[in-house]
């Protein structure tokens, strides 16, 4: 099954986005941490969320790294470009 079609992945990303919308950055980060347990890494949407979290935390160098990785992983995705 493709990663983008995986229900566990989609549920995790939705939870992370919900936390992000509430400015619960630690909750979003905890949700994304489960992706490695599920065997996912380098997911553009997750990297983008991590970049947003790091920006909000003032950790700009890390934010740039995550956002650049997200853009490189999905170069045709306008949200990540």
C-alpha atoms as a PDB file:
ATOM      1  CA  UNK A   1       0.000   0.000   0.000  1.00  0.00           C
ATOM      2  CA  UNK A   2       1.326   3.415  -0.908  1.00  0.00           C
ATOM      3  CA  UNK A   3       2.198   5.621   2.010  1.00  0.00           C
ATOM      4  CA  UNK A   4      -0.253   8.313   0.934  1.00  0.00           C
ATOM      5  CA  UNK A   5      -3.102   5.777   1.004  1.00  0.00           C
ATOM      6  CA  UNK A   6      -2.231   4.323   4.399  1.00  0.00           C
ATOM      7  CA  UNK A   7      -5.058   4.962   6.895  1.00  0.00           C
ATOM      8  CA  UNK A   8      -2.705   5.017   9.909  1.00  0.00           C
ATOM      9  CA  UNK A   9      -0.545   7.623   8.206  1.00  0.00           C
ATOM     10  CA  UNK A  10      -3.533   9.760   7.245  1.00  0.00           C
ATOM     11  CA  UNK A  11      -4.930   9.538  10.779  1.00  0.00           C
ATOM     12  CA  UNK A  12      -1.580  10.539  12.273  1.00  0.00           C
ATOM     13  CA  UNK A  13      -1.217  13.507   9.922  1.00  0.00           C
ATOM     14  CA  UNK A  14      -4.786  14.605  10.676  1.00  0.00           C
ATOM     15  CA  UNK A  15      -4.103  14.454  14.421  1.00  0.00           C
ATOM     16  CA  UNK A  16      -0.869  16.421  14.002  1.00  0.00           C
ATOM     17  CA  UNK A  17      -2.710  19.055  11.939  1.00  0.00           C
ATOM     18  CA  UNK A  18      -5.464  19.322  14.554  1.00  0.00           C
ATOM     19  CA  UNK A  19      -2.859  19.863  17.267  1.00  0.00           C
ATOM     20  CA  UNK A  20      -1.099  22.412  15.088  1.00  0.00           C
ATOM     21  CA  UNK A  21      -4.330  24.357  14.573  1.00  0.00           C
ATOM     22  CA  UNK A  22      -4.743  24.534  18.372  1.00  0.00           C
ATOM     23  CA  UNK A  23      -1.113  25.645  18.648  1.00  0.00           C
ATOM     24  CA  UNK A  24      -0.423  22.453  20.606  1.00  0.00           C
ATOM     25  CA  UNK A  25       3.050  22.055  19.157  1.00  0.00           C
ATOM     26  CA  UNK A  26       4.145  19.344  21.573  1.00  0.00           C
ATOM     27  CA  UNK A  27       0.997  17.347  20.771  1.00  0.00           C
ATOM     28  CA  UNK A  28       1.666  17.660  17.049  1.00  0.00           C
ATOM     29  CA  UNK A  29       5.247  16.584  17.583  1.00  0.00           C
ATOM     30  CA  UNK A  30       4.141  13.572  19.646  1.00  0.00           C
ATOM     31  CA  UNK A  31       1.705  12.561  16.919  1.00  0.00           C
ATOM     32  CA  UNK A  32       4.430  12.760  14.273  1.00  0.00           C
ATOM     33  CA  UNK A  33       6.851  10.782  16.430  1.00  0.00           C
ATOM     34  CA  UNK A  34       4.598   7.767  15.975  1.00  0.00           C
ATOM     35  CA  UNK A  35       5.343   7.778  12.233  1.00  0.00           C
ATOM     36  CA  UNK A  36       8.768   6.243  12.803  1.00  0.00           C
ATOM     37  CA  UNK A  37       7.124   3.489  14.839  1.00  0.00           C
ATOM     38  CA  UNK A  38       4.787   2.869  11.902  1.00  0.00           C
ATOM     39  CA  UNK A  39       7.800   2.638   9.584  1.00  0.00           C
ATOM     40  CA  UNK A  40       7.312   5.948   7.799  1.00  0.00           C
ATOM     41  CA  UNK A  41      10.066   8.475   7.291  1.00  0.00           C
ATOM     42  CA  UNK A  42      10.543  11.385   4.935  1.00  0.00           C
ATOM     43  CA  UNK A  43       6.825  12.017   4.517  1.00  0.00           C
ATOM     44  CA  UNK A  44       6.576  15.510   2.974  1.00  0.00           C
ATOM     45  CA  UNK A  45       3.471  16.511   4.936  1.00  0.00           C
ATOM     46  CA  UNK A  46       5.088  15.460   8.217  1.00  0.00           C
ATOM     47  CA  UNK A  47       8.289  17.318   7.385  1.00  0.00           C
ATOM     48  CA  UNK A  48       6.244  20.416   6.576  1.00  0.00           C
ATOM     49  CA  UNK A  49       4.432  20.224   9.913  1.00  0.00           C
ATOM     50  CA  UNK A  50       7.757  19.808  11.706  1.00  0.00           C
ATOM     51  CA  UNK A  51       9.036  22.884   9.889  1.00  0.00           C
ATOM     52  CA  UNK A  52       6.024  24.877  11.059  1.00  0.00           C
ATOM     53  CA  UNK A  53       6.517  23.657  14.634  1.00  0.00           C
ATOM     54  CA  UNK A  54      10.205  24.587  14.612  1.00  0.00           C
ATOM     55  CA  UNK A  55       9.384  28.032  13.212  1.00  0.00           C
ATOM     56  CA  UNK A  56       6.870  28.620  16.013  1.00  0.00           C
ATOM     57  CA  UNK A  57       9.534  27.526  18.512  1.00  0.00           C
ATOM     58  CA  UNK A  58      12.035  29.975  17.056  1.00  0.00           C
ATOM     59  CA  UNK A  59      14.281  27.113  15.933  1.00  0.00           C
ATOM     60  CA  UNK A  60      14.725  28.532  12.462  1.00  0.00           C
ATOM     61  CA  UNK A  61      17.719  26.501  11.264  1.00  0.00           C
ATOM     62  CA  UNK A  62      15.840  23.277  12.003  1.00  0.00           C
ATOM     63  CA  UNK A  63      12.703  24.708  10.403  1.00  0.00           C
ATOM     64  CA  UNK A  64      14.576  25.447   7.187  1.00  0.00           C
ATOM     65  CA  UNK A  65      15.997  21.923   7.173  1.00  0.00           C
ATOM     66  CA  UNK A  66      12.568  20.286   7.558  1.00  0.00           C
ATOM     67  CA  UNK A  67      10.879  22.588   5.061  1.00  0.00           C
ATOM     68  CA  UNK A  68      13.655  22.051   2.508  1.00  0.00           C
ATOM     69  CA  UNK A  69      13.376  18.288   2.912  1.00  0.00           C
ATOM     70  CA  UNK A  70       9.608  18.488   2.460  1.00  0.00           C
ATOM     71  CA  UNK A  71       9.990  20.534  -0.702  1.00  0.00           C
ATOM     72  CA  UNK A  72      12.623  18.163  -2.093  1.00  0.00           C
ATOM     73  CA  UNK A  73      10.470  15.127  -1.318  1.00  0.00           C
ATOM     74  CA  UNK A  74       7.447  16.586  -3.125  1.00  0.00           C
ATOM     75  CA  UNK A  75       8.732  19.165  -5.640  1.00  0.00           C
ATOM     76  CA  UNK A  76       5.415  19.334  -7.511  1.00  0.00           C
ATOM     77  CA  UNK A  77       3.371  20.038  -4.394  1.00  0.00           C
ATOM     78  CA  UNK A  78       2.649  23.793  -4.441  1.00  0.00           C
ATOM     79  CA  UNK A  79       2.112  23.988  -0.674  1.00  0.00           C
ATOM     80  CA  UNK A  80       5.624  22.662  -0.083  1.00  0.00           C
ATOM     81  CA  UNK A  81       7.411  24.476  -2.906  1.00  0.00           C
END
